[in-house]
Amino acid sequence: MQPTRLVVLVAALCALAAPARADETCQSPYLQKLTAQEDFVYVWTLGVDGLGDGSDKLVTIGANPARPDYGKVVSSVSVGGRHEAHHGGFTDDRRQLWMGGLDDSAIYVFDVATDPAKPKLARIQTDFVEATGGVVGPHTFYPIPGRMLITGLSNATDGGGRTGIAEYSDEGRFVRTLWMPAGAEYGYDLRVNANLNRMLTSSFTGKKNYMRKLPELIGDAEAMKHFGDTMVVWDYHARKPLQTLAVPGAPLEIRWALGPRHFYAFTASALTSKLWGVFRKDDGSFEAVELAPIGDPAKTPLPVDISLSADDRFLFVSTFMDGTSHVYDVSNPRAPKLVHERKIGSQLNMVSQTWDGKRVYFTSSLLANWDKTGADGEQFLRAFSWDGEKLEPLFAVDFTAEKLGRPHIMHFGQASFFTGRERPGGEAPQEKAPPDAGPRVARTP
């Protein structure tokens, strides 16, 4: 091969191997990735009675400093009424953004491909509870090839924490329900490690608890007994539970390490304020290990969200009650070191970090009945830079002043992402049915 051609080939291979500079590190490995600066942050927002139109909505915020809409509200789409807007996720082709309501279990599907700056509400699915055989509270929306896995928080029988995982096609067709196994009936988050063919799920509490006002809930000793204390290891392709791990205190968000030979994941237990690791052992099974306290556990800072950097070095942990971001060096995953803390606001919930590790976004709302009130009830999206040592402010959007509501989960968008990706004739793709699609039935627990 001629030297010039060799140089060109090496350069091309390096370009293909380069990590994405945008996108969120916590996304599914099956999701098409953004590979340049994010232009927008899509924020699923809880409506507030008397504020603006009072409805839940998808709000688009400009995030590219090269654009005139940087740090500004670009658009918003209301869905009518308040449904406890909470989590959501893209389909694997990134053309749709599915968002859920924890109160009535409705699913709102937005078209983000036609005009990424102005998503449009494409459809509303209101049959989630009926179709799934009684799963309530769609939480994590996790894309896999041609499918969406949706974890539930509760059930229609007693409103408790017994729940399941629903599987849908990208077109919205119900496929099946996977009920959580005996002894680990509670559910919350779901994450897949494609290299290991393993899926992890975590646990929270049922609708009877999460829709109550927080001071009232904390004061009810019996209700506080009904929180999850397990994580489940699954065979991802077979969708079969393999192991139940004891993780006391409601382990919430899960983040797998991203290195191909890093066989571990992190979570944080909300009620006990502990950082936990889930590690693969030599025999292929997993163990859950308590790693470190988060803040002062005696004050119940309530860790709610975590974000792991693309190089598996830094773990960001948000604590709701004191509004603080805690940054740990987890390059030695069994011995994390606290390297930075910054108070972001009077309350703090979601954290999303870009793949290049240079930008970190935070939102404030947890649940409508759990958020603080009065002067401490501020509602915001705040963007920061991260240089490996400290967080520095970039911009902020006051969602109360903008009459938008309470911002919760975030996802990134890009104006040019779908350029050249249009489907011929505008036709929908053929449904991709993996060999493990299984029966299209919902079985009651």
Protein backbone atom coordinates (compact mmCIF):
# COMPACT_ATOMS: atom_id res chain seq x y z
CA MET A 1 0.00 0.00 0.00
CA GLN A 2 1.27 3.47 -0.85
CA PRO A 3 2.23 5.66 2.16
CA THR A 4 -0.37 8.28 1.28
CA ARG A 5 -3.17 5.72 1.12
CA LEU A 6 -1.99 4.21 4.40
CA VAL A 7 -2.15 7.60 6.15
CA VAL A 8 -5.66 8.21 4.81
CA LEU A 9 -6.80 4.75 5.97
CA VAL A 10 -5.35 5.20 9.46
CA ALA A 11 -6.96 8.64 9.74
CA ALA A 12 -10.32 7.21 8.72
CA LEU A 13 -10.09 4.38 11.23
CA CYS A 14 -9.13 6.81 13.98
CA ALA A 15 -12.13 8.97 13.11
CA LEU A 16 -14.42 5.96 13.35
CA ALA A 17 -12.92 4.97 16.69
CA ALA A 18 -13.14 8.46 18.20
CA PRO A 19 -15.74 8.71 20.98
CA ALA A 20 -18.85 10.83 20.49
CA ARG A 21 -18.44 14.37 21.77
CA ALA A 22 -22.07 14.88 22.64
CA ASP A 23 -24.85 12.61 23.87
CA GLU A 24 -25.34 11.37 27.40
CA THR A 25 -23.06 8.69 28.76
CA CYS A 26 -25.96 6.86 30.42
CA GLN A 27 -27.72 6.01 27.15
CA SER A 28 -28.40 2.53 25.82
CA PRO A 29 -25.60 0.97 23.73
CA TYR A 30 -28.24 0.32 21.07
CA LEU A 31 -29.16 4.00 20.64
CA GLN A 32 -27.82 5.91 17.63
CA LYS A 33 -25.36 8.41 19.08
CA LEU A 34 -24.84 12.12 18.59
CA THR A 35 -21.27 12.76 17.43
CA ALA A 36 -20.94 16.54 17.71
CA GLN A 37 -21.94 19.39 20.00
CA GLU A 38 -25.52 19.01 21.23
CA ASP A 39 -27.82 21.79 19.99
CA PHE A 40 -30.79 21.18 22.27
CA VAL A 41 -31.73 19.78 25.66
CA TYR A 42 -35.22 18.26 25.71
CA VAL A 43 -36.70 18.57 29.22
CA TRP A 44 -39.77 16.62 30.32
CA THR A 45 -41.53 19.01 32.67
CA LEU A 46 -44.26 18.67 35.31
CA GLY A 47 -47.10 21.15 35.07
CA VAL A 48 -47.87 23.44 38.01
CA ASP A 49 -51.43 24.62 38.67
CA GLY A 50 -51.68 28.34 37.93
CA LEU A 51 -48.27 28.54 36.22
CA GLY A 52 -48.54 29.08 32.46
CA ASP A 53 -51.00 26.56 31.03
CA GLY A 54 -50.50 24.30 34.05
CA SER A 55 -49.82 21.23 31.90
CA ASP A 56 -46.96 18.77 31.64
CA LYS A 57 -44.84 19.58 28.60
CA LEU A 58 -41.71 18.83 26.61
CA VAL A 59 -39.48 21.91 26.67
CA THR A 60 -36.59 22.44 24.25
CA ILE A 61 -33.64 24.54 25.45
CA GLY A 62 -30.80 25.76 23.22
CA ALA A 63 -27.46 24.22 24.24
CA ASN A 64 -25.00 25.17 21.49
CA PRO A 65 -23.04 28.40 22.16
CA ALA A 66 -22.63 28.84 18.39
CA ARG A 67 -26.40 29.24 17.94
CA PRO A 68 -28.49 32.34 18.75
CA ASP A 69 -30.86 30.29 20.93
CA TYR A 70 -28.10 29.26 23.38
CA GLY A 71 -29.44 29.09 26.91
CA LYS A 72 -32.94 30.07 25.80
CA VAL A 73 -36.31 28.37 25.50
CA VAL A 74 -36.64 27.25 21.88
CA SER A 75 -40.05 25.58 22.03
CA SER A 76 -42.49 23.76 24.28
CA VAL A 77 -45.26 21.26 23.64
CA SER A 78 -47.99 20.77 26.25
CA VAL A 79 -49.77 17.44 26.56
CA GLY A 80 -52.84 18.72 28.41
CA GLY A 81 -53.22 18.25 32.16
CA ARG A 82 -50.83 17.06 34.84
CA HIS A 83 -49.81 13.41 34.77
CA GLU A 84 -46.66 13.38 36.94
CA ALA A 85 -44.20 13.78 34.06
CA HIS A 86 -41.08 11.87 35.04
CA HIS A 87 -38.82 9.81 32.76
CA GLY A 88 -38.60 8.89 29.10
CA GLY A 89 -36.25 7.88 26.32
CA PHE A 90 -35.55 7.76 22.58
CA THR A 91 -36.36 4.84 20.33
CA ASP A 92 -33.16 3.19 19.06
CA ASP A 93 -33.27 5.20 15.79
CA ARG A 94 -33.68 8.40 17.81
CA ARG A 95 -36.66 9.51 15.75
CA GLN A 96 -39.16 9.34 18.62
CA LEU A 97 -38.98 10.39 22.25
CA TRP A 98 -41.29 8.41 24.54
CA MET A 99 -42.22 10.15 27.81
CA GLY A 100 -44.26 8.74 30.67
CA GLY A 101 -46.62 9.94 33.39
CA LEU A 102 -46.33 8.21 36.75
CA ASP A 103 -49.85 9.12 37.87
CA ASP A 104 -52.10 7.86 35.06
CA SER A 105 -49.47 5.73 33.25
CA ALA A 106 -50.02 7.53 29.93
CA ILE A 107 -47.19 7.50 27.37
CA TYR A 108 -46.54 10.53 25.18
CA VAL A 109 -44.65 9.90 21.95
CA PHE A 110 -42.93 12.91 20.36
CA ASP A 111 -41.60 13.17 16.82
CA VAL A 112 -38.14 14.76 17.13
CA ALA A 113 -36.93 13.86 13.62
CA THR A 114 -39.11 16.14 11.49
CA ASP A 115 -37.88 19.30 13.24
CA PRO A 116 -35.45 18.67 16.12
CA ALA A 117 -35.88 22.26 17.36
CA LYS A 118 -39.64 21.85 17.63
CA PRO A 119 -40.70 18.31 18.61
CA LYS A 120 -44.31 17.43 17.88
CA LEU A 121 -46.65 15.23 19.90
CA ALA A 122 -47.25 12.26 17.57
CA ARG A 123 -49.50 10.06 19.70
CA ILE A 124 -50.68 9.34 23.23
CA GLN A 125 -50.96 5.75 24.47
CA THR A 126 -53.42 5.36 27.32
CA ASP A 127 -53.72 1.57 27.46
CA PHE A 128 -50.43 0.83 29.24
CA VAL A 129 -52.05 -0.62 32.38
CA GLU A 130 -54.57 -2.71 30.47
CA ALA A 131 -52.10 -3.94 27.84
CA THR A 132 -49.44 -4.97 30.35
CA GLY A 133 -51.80 -6.84 32.64
CA GLY A 134 -51.67 -4.30 35.46
CA VAL A 135 -48.25 -2.62 35.42
CA VAL A 136 -48.50 0.98 36.71
CA GLY A 137 -46.11 3.93 36.60
CA PRO A 138 -43.91 3.70 33.47
CA HIS A 139 -40.46 4.82 34.59
CA THR A 140 -37.34 3.95 32.57
CA PHE A 141 -37.74 3.90 28.77
CA TYR A 142 -34.80 1.91 27.45
CA PRO A 143 -34.28 1.38 23.70
CA ILE A 144 -33.07 -1.91 22.28
CA PRO A 145 -33.15 -2.91 18.58
CA GLY A 146 -36.70 -2.30 17.35
CA ARG A 147 -38.03 -2.37 20.89
CA MET A 148 -38.58 -0.26 23.98
CA LEU A 149 -38.23 -1.76 27.46
CA ILE A 150 -40.26 0.14 30.06
CA THR A 151 -39.91 -0.49 33.79
CA GLY A 152 -42.93 -0.02 36.02
CA LEU A 153 -43.04 1.22 39.60
CA SER A 154 -46.35 -0.22 40.77
CA ASN A 155 -49.40 -2.32 39.94
CA ALA A 156 -53.13 -1.79 39.47
CA THR A 157 -54.16 -4.30 42.13
CA ASP A 158 -52.97 -2.65 45.33
CA GLY A 159 -50.80 0.31 44.26
CA GLY A 160 -47.82 -1.28 46.01
CA GLY A 161 -44.31 -1.93 44.78
CA ARG A 162 -44.87 -5.27 43.04
CA THR A 163 -44.38 -4.54 39.36
CA GLY A 164 -42.91 -5.59 36.02
CA ILE A 165 -41.14 -4.63 32.80
CA ALA A 166 -43.15 -3.96 29.64
CA GLU A 167 -41.77 -4.56 26.17
CA TYR A 168 -43.11 -2.63 23.16
CA SER A 169 -42.23 -2.37 19.49
CA ASP A 170 -40.98 1.00 18.25
CA GLU A 171 -44.38 1.44 16.58
CA GLY A 172 -46.17 1.17 19.93
CA ARG A 173 -47.34 -2.45 19.76
CA PHE A 174 -47.32 -4.23 23.09
CA VAL A 175 -45.11 -7.35 23.04
CA ARG A 176 -45.02 -8.80 26.55
CA THR A 177 -44.77 -8.19 30.28
CA LEU A 178 -41.92 -9.52 32.41
CA TRP A 179 -42.97 -9.58 36.05
CA MET A 180 -40.26 -9.00 38.63
CA PRO A 181 -39.21 -12.24 40.36
CA ALA A 182 -40.39 -13.44 43.76
CA GLY A 183 -38.40 -11.80 46.54
CA ALA A 184 -37.49 -8.85 44.31
CA GLU A 185 -40.89 -7.58 43.25
CA TYR A 186 -40.03 -3.86 43.31
CA GLY A 187 -38.78 -2.06 40.20
CA TYR A 188 -37.23 1.24 39.12
CA ASP A 189 -34.33 1.52 36.64
CA LEU A 190 -33.02 -0.83 33.93
CA ARG A 191 -29.64 -0.89 32.16
CA VAL A 192 -28.04 -3.39 29.74
CA ASN A 193 -24.38 -4.38 29.35
CA ALA A 194 -24.32 -5.68 25.79
CA ASN A 195 -20.81 -7.16 26.14
CA LEU A 196 -21.88 -9.35 29.02
CA ASN A 197 -25.46 -10.09 27.91
CA ARG A 198 -26.56 -8.88 31.33
CA MET A 199 -29.33 -6.55 32.41
CA LEU A 200 -29.61 -4.91 35.83
CA THR A 201 -32.79 -3.63 37.45
CA SER A 202 -33.21 -1.68 40.68
CA SER A 203 -36.08 -0.94 43.05
CA PHE A 204 -38.06 1.93 44.56
CA THR A 205 -41.64 2.01 45.88
CA GLY A 206 -45.27 1.82 44.75
CA LYS A 207 -47.81 4.44 43.77
CA LYS A 208 -49.34 4.55 47.22
CA ASN A 209 -46.03 6.01 48.39
CA TYR A 210 -44.63 8.04 45.49
CA MET A 211 -47.84 10.05 45.00
CA ARG A 212 -47.97 11.11 48.68
CA LYS A 213 -46.54 14.32 50.06
CA LEU A 214 -43.02 13.66 51.29
CA PRO A 215 -43.37 14.95 54.92
CA GLU A 216 -46.51 12.85 55.32
CA LEU A 217 -44.80 9.79 53.87
CA ILE A 218 -41.72 10.15 56.07
CA GLY A 219 -43.98 10.39 59.11
CA ASP A 220 -45.72 7.11 58.28
CA ALA A 221 -43.51 4.38 59.74
CA GLU A 222 -45.49 1.58 58.11
CA ALA A 223 -45.34 3.16 54.65
CA MET A 224 -41.57 3.65 54.96
CA LYS A 225 -41.20 -0.12 55.25
CA HIS A 226 -42.45 -0.50 51.69
CA PHE A 227 -39.39 0.45 49.67
CA GLY A 228 -37.28 -1.87 47.56
CA ASP A 229 -33.98 -3.27 48.81
CA THR A 230 -32.90 -5.43 45.88
CA MET A 231 -31.30 -5.39 42.45
CA VAL A 232 -31.81 -8.16 39.91
CA VAL A 233 -29.27 -9.53 37.41
CA TRP A 234 -30.93 -10.78 34.21
CA ASP A 235 -29.90 -12.73 31.16
CA TYR A 236 -30.67 -9.89 28.75
CA HIS A 237 -31.35 -11.91 25.58
CA ALA A 238 -33.49 -14.50 27.35
CA ARG A 239 -35.07 -11.84 29.61
CA LYS A 240 -34.65 -14.24 32.53
CA PRO A 241 -33.73 -13.27 36.12
CA LEU A 242 -30.52 -14.95 37.25
CA GLN A 243 -29.64 -13.41 40.60
CA THR A 244 -31.14 -11.20 43.29
CA LEU A 245 -28.73 -8.88 45.12
CA ALA A 246 -29.40 -7.27 48.49
CA VAL A 247 -28.99 -3.48 48.32
CA PRO A 248 -30.83 -1.90 51.28
CA GLY A 249 -32.44 1.51 51.08
CA ALA A 250 -33.99 1.81 47.59
CA PRO A 251 -31.22 1.58 44.99
CA LEU A 252 -32.28 3.91 42.17
CA GLU A 253 -30.36 4.80 39.00
CA ILE A 254 -27.94 2.26 37.49
CA ARG A 255 -24.86 3.07 35.42
CA TRP A 256 -22.75 0.33 33.84
CA ALA A 257 -19.06 1.08 33.35
CA LEU A 258 -18.41 1.86 29.69
CA GLY A 259 -14.98 0.29 29.20
CA PRO A 260 -15.30 -3.00 27.28
CA ARG A 261 -13.39 -4.87 30.01
CA HIS A 262 -14.94 -3.04 32.95
CA PHE A 263 -17.46 -5.52 34.30
CA TYR A 264 -19.18 -3.47 36.99
CA ALA A 265 -21.94 -0.95 37.58
CA PHE A 266 -22.80 1.73 40.13
CA THR A 267 -25.98 2.71 41.95
CA ALA A 268 -26.92 4.85 44.96
CA SER A 269 -29.39 3.93 47.69
CA ALA A 270 -31.75 6.84 48.32
CA LEU A 271 -32.83 6.13 51.89
CA THR A 272 -29.43 5.12 53.30
CA SER A 273 -27.34 7.57 51.20
CA LYS A 274 -24.77 4.97 50.17
CA LEU A 275 -22.81 4.46 46.97
CA TRP A 276 -22.85 0.85 45.79
CA GLY A 277 -20.99 -1.17 43.21
CA VAL A 278 -22.18 -4.29 41.43
CA PHE A 279 -19.15 -6.35 40.39
CA ARG A 280 -18.80 -9.42 38.21
CA LYS A 281 -16.97 -12.24 39.97
CA ASP A 282 -14.61 -14.77 38.42
CA ASP A 283 -17.37 -17.38 38.18
CA GLY A 284 -19.59 -15.00 36.16
CA SER A 285 -21.99 -14.20 38.99
CA PHE A 286 -22.27 -10.73 40.56
CA GLU A 287 -21.92 -9.24 44.01
CA ALA A 288 -23.23 -5.95 45.42
CA VAL A 289 -20.68 -4.04 47.53
CA GLU A 290 -21.27 -0.96 49.69
CA LEU A 291 -18.60 1.53 48.64
CA ALA A 292 -18.96 4.90 50.39
CA PRO A 293 -21.35 7.28 52.16
CA ILE A 294 -22.87 10.08 50.10
CA GLY A 295 -22.89 13.35 52.04
CA ASP A 296 -23.97 12.88 55.64
CA PRO A 297 -26.29 9.85 55.73
CA ALA A 298 -27.57 10.97 59.15
CA LYS A 299 -29.17 13.97 57.42
CA THR A 300 -30.70 11.83 54.63
CA PRO A 301 -29.44 13.92 51.72
CA LEU A 302 -31.43 11.63 49.38
CA PRO A 303 -29.17 10.73 46.43
CA VAL A 304 -31.42 10.56 43.37
CA ASP A 305 -29.42 10.50 40.12
CA ILE A 306 -25.92 9.53 39.01
CA SER A 307 -23.83 9.99 35.85
CA LEU A 308 -20.62 8.16 34.94
CA SER A 309 -18.03 9.76 32.65
CA ALA A 310 -17.17 8.06 29.35
CA ASP A 311 -13.71 7.08 30.61
CA ASP A 312 -15.19 5.49 33.76
CA ARG A 313 -13.24 7.91 35.93
CA PHE A 314 -15.75 10.35 37.41
CA LEU A 315 -19.15 9.60 38.94
CA PHE A 316 -21.51 12.53 39.54
CA VAL A 317 -24.12 12.01 42.27
CA SER A 318 -27.01 14.43 42.86
CA THR A 319 -28.50 14.72 46.35
CA PHE A 320 -31.98 16.21 46.38
CA MET A 321 -32.38 17.55 49.91
CA ASP A 322 -29.21 19.67 50.02
CA GLY A 323 -29.09 20.47 46.29
CA THR A 324 -25.50 19.27 45.94
CA SER A 325 -23.50 17.54 43.21
CA HIS A 326 -20.88 15.15 44.59
CA VAL A 327 -18.12 14.06 42.22
CA TYR A 328 -16.20 10.85 42.92
CA ASP A 329 -13.04 9.56 41.29
CA VAL A 330 -13.99 5.94 40.61
CA SER A 331 -10.96 4.97 38.53
CA ASN A 332 -10.50 2.40 41.28
CA PRO A 333 -14.15 1.33 41.35
CA ARG A 334 -13.94 -0.45 44.71
CA ALA A 335 -12.37 2.57 46.42
CA PRO A 336 -14.10 5.77 45.23
CA LYS A 337 -12.68 9.13 46.35
CA LEU A 338 -14.71 12.30 46.75
CA VAL A 339 -12.89 14.94 44.67
CA HIS A 340 -15.39 17.78 44.29
CA GLU A 341 -18.67 19.07 45.69
CA ARG A 342 -20.78 21.99 44.52
CA LYS A 343 -24.17 23.22 45.65
CA ILE A 344 -26.27 23.56 42.50
CA GLY A 345 -29.49 24.82 44.08
CA SER A 346 -31.84 24.47 47.03
CA GLN A 347 -32.94 21.12 45.58
CA LEU A 348 -31.42 18.95 42.87
CA ASN A 349 -32.41 15.91 40.88
CA MET A 350 -31.29 14.83 37.41
CA VAL A 351 -27.72 15.06 36.08
CA SER A 352 -26.73 14.51 32.42
CA GLN A 353 -23.14 14.56 31.25
CA THR A 354 -21.84 14.82 27.69
CA TRP A 355 -19.67 12.06 26.22
CA ASP A 356 -16.62 14.33 25.97
CA GLY A 357 -16.97 15.06 29.70
CA LYS A 358 -16.92 18.82 29.22
CA ARG A 359 -20.54 19.75 29.99
CA VAL A 360 -22.89 18.69 32.77
CA TYR A 361 -26.59 19.58 33.00
CA PHE A 362 -28.79 19.55 36.10
CA THR A 363 -32.53 19.84 36.76
CA SER A 364 -34.38 20.40 40.00
CA SER A 365 -37.66 18.48 40.23
CA LEU A 366 -38.11 15.04 41.79
CA LEU A 367 -41.85 14.45 42.21
CA ALA A 368 -44.69 16.97 42.44
CA ASN A 369 -45.45 16.05 46.06
CA TRP A 370 -41.79 15.70 47.04
CA ASP A 371 -40.41 18.98 45.69
CA LYS A 372 -39.66 21.76 48.14
CA THR A 373 -41.94 24.78 48.38
CA GLY A 374 -41.56 28.49 49.01
CA ALA A 375 -38.13 30.05 48.53
CA ASP A 376 -36.53 26.57 48.36
CA GLY A 377 -38.88 25.41 45.62
CA GLU A 378 -36.81 26.85 42.78
CA GLN A 379 -37.13 25.06 39.44
CA PHE A 380 -34.32 25.20 36.92
CA LEU A 381 -32.13 23.74 34.22
CA ARG A 382 -28.49 24.66 34.93
CA ALA A 383 -25.53 23.94 32.68
CA PHE A 384 -21.94 23.69 33.89
CA SER A 385 -18.54 23.07 32.40
CA TRP A 386 -16.33 20.34 33.90
CA ASP A 387 -12.53 20.39 33.52
CA GLY A 388 -11.78 17.34 35.64
CA GLU A 389 -11.41 19.41 38.79
CA LYS A 390 -14.41 21.71 39.26
CA LEU A 391 -17.83 22.63 37.92
CA GLU A 392 -18.26 26.17 36.54
CA PRO A 393 -21.61 27.74 35.47
CA LEU A 394 -22.42 28.12 31.77
CA PHE A 395 -26.09 29.13 31.69
CA ALA A 396 -29.33 28.68 33.59
CA VAL A 397 -33.03 28.70 32.75
CA ASP A 398 -35.53 29.58 35.50
CA PHE A 399 -38.53 27.37 34.71
CA THR A 400 -40.74 29.20 37.21
CA ALA A 401 -39.98 32.62 35.72
CA GLU A 402 -40.60 31.19 32.25
CA LYS A 403 -43.92 29.74 33.50
CA LEU A 404 -42.98 26.27 32.32
CA GLY A 405 -43.26 24.12 35.45
CA ARG A 406 -40.94 21.64 37.17
CA PRO A 407 -38.12 20.26 34.96
CA HIS A 408 -37.23 16.59 35.35
CA ILE A 409 -35.42 14.28 32.91
CA MET A 410 -33.23 15.59 30.05
CA HIS A 411 -32.21 14.27 26.64
CA PHE A 412 -30.01 15.81 23.97
CA GLY A 413 -30.87 16.75 20.39
CA GLN A 414 -29.08 18.04 17.33
CA ALA A 415 -30.40 20.15 14.45
CA SER A 416 -28.53 18.28 11.71
CA PHE A 417 -28.73 14.76 13.12
CA PHE A 418 -31.37 13.50 10.66
CA THR A 419 -29.88 15.21 7.59
CA GLY A 420 -29.36 12.46 5.01
CA ARG A 421 -31.14 9.94 7.25
CA GLU A 422 -34.65 10.45 5.85
CA ARG A 423 -36.53 7.29 5.04
CA PRO A 424 -37.25 6.75 1.33
CA GLY A 425 -40.75 7.98 0.56
CA GLY A 426 -41.24 8.82 4.24
CA GLU A 427 -42.21 5.23 4.96
CA ALA A 428 -41.92 3.79 8.42
CA PRO A 429 -39.26 1.10 8.82
CA GLN A 430 -40.18 -2.55 8.90
CA GLU A 431 -40.56 -3.74 12.45
CA LYS A 432 -37.43 -5.50 13.66
CA ALA A 433 -38.37 -8.58 15.65
CA PRO A 434 -35.43 -10.08 17.55
CA PRO A 435 -35.44 -13.86 18.00
CA ASP A 436 -36.21 -13.42 21.70
CA ALA A 437 -39.36 -11.37 21.12
CA GLY A 438 -41.42 -13.96 22.97
CA PRO A 439 -45.20 -14.22 23.29
CA ARG A 440 -47.31 -11.09 22.87
CA VAL A 441 -49.24 -11.55 26.09
CA ALA A 442 -49.43 -9.99 29.50
CA ARG A 443 -49.46 -12.35 32.41
CA THR A 444 -50.81 -11.18 35.72
CA PRO A 445 -48.44 -11.52 38.66
